[in-house]
Protein backbone atom coordinates (compact mmCIF):
# COMPACT_ATOMS: atom_id res chain seq x y z
CA MET A 1 -7.22 -33.20 -4.90
CA VAL A 2 -6.53 -31.94 -8.24
CA ARG A 3 -8.60 -29.53 -10.23
CA LYS A 4 -7.43 -27.92 -13.44
CA LYS A 5 -7.63 -24.28 -12.96
CA LYS A 6 -6.81 -20.82 -14.89
CA LEU A 7 -4.64 -17.93 -14.05
CA SER A 8 -7.08 -15.07 -14.63
CA PRO A 9 -5.87 -11.49 -15.55
CA SER A 10 -6.28 -8.88 -12.64
CA GLY A 11 -5.51 -5.10 -12.58
CA ALA A 12 -4.73 -2.47 -14.79
CA LYS A 13 -3.53 -3.07 -18.45
CA ASP A 14 -0.29 -1.04 -19.56
CA GLU A 15 0.10 1.26 -22.47
CA ASP A 16 0.28 -1.84 -24.80
CA GLY A 17 -2.92 -3.10 -23.45
CA ASN A 18 -1.24 -5.89 -21.67
CA TYR A 19 -1.91 -7.55 -18.26
CA HIS A 20 0.61 -7.93 -15.46
CA ASN A 21 -1.36 -9.70 -12.77
CA VAL A 22 -3.18 -12.38 -12.38
CA HIS A 23 -5.92 -14.11 -9.79
CA LEU A 24 -6.55 -17.49 -8.91
CA ASN A 25 -9.76 -18.95 -7.51
CA LEU A 26 -9.69 -21.46 -4.94
CA HIS A 27 -12.76 -23.09 -3.28
CA GLU A 28 -13.31 -22.91 0.07
CA ASP A 29 -12.97 -27.15 -0.08
CA GLU A 30 -9.45 -26.70 -1.39
CA LEU A 31 -8.52 -24.15 1.45
CA ALA A 32 -9.97 -26.90 3.83
CA VAL A 33 -7.96 -29.68 2.47
CA ALA A 34 -4.58 -27.39 2.92
CA GLY A 35 -5.62 -26.47 6.24
CA MET A 36 -6.56 -22.95 5.31
CA ASP A 37 -9.38 -20.45 5.55
CA ILE A 38 -10.63 -17.57 3.29
CA GLY A 39 -8.65 -14.38 4.86
CA ASP A 40 -5.38 -16.42 6.07
CA GLU A 41 -2.15 -15.21 5.23
CA VAL A 42 0.20 -17.26 2.93
CA PHE A 43 3.72 -17.18 1.49
CA VAL A 44 4.07 -17.34 -2.18
CA ARG A 45 7.11 -18.64 -3.62
CA VAL A 46 7.61 -19.75 -7.36
CA ARG A 47 10.18 -22.36 -7.93
CA ASP A 48 11.43 -24.68 -10.75
CA GLY A 49 8.28 -24.15 -12.67
CA LYS A 50 6.00 -24.59 -9.85
CA ILE A 51 3.88 -22.22 -7.78
CA ILE A 52 3.99 -23.20 -3.88
CA ILE A 53 1.81 -21.56 -1.52
CA GLN A 54 2.22 -22.11 2.22
CA SER A 55 0.49 -20.80 5.36
CA ALA A 56 2.27 -18.15 6.77
CA ASP A 57 1.09 -19.24 10.30
CA GLU A 58 3.51 -21.84 10.33
CA ASP A 59 6.21 -21.41 13.10
CA GLU A 60 8.95 -22.56 10.53
CA LEU A 61 8.94 -21.93 6.70
CA ASP A 62 9.14 -24.91 5.37
CA HIS A 63 12.13 -25.12 2.60
CA GLU A 64 11.88 -28.67 1.16
CA PHE A 65 9.52 -28.81 -1.96
């Protein structure tokens, strides 16, 4: 499944009017494909131009992406 998403600004602006946080909305059907549900805890990693979201319920963290 591939859907184009936008990283939406989030949180307070700094003194210069810039945001430093974003949020990403995922639909429940996207979460279901990943074996996740709303409210689950996740690990988020940024590596080599990619954002990787992995379930925190895994017994072992997968490092091979």
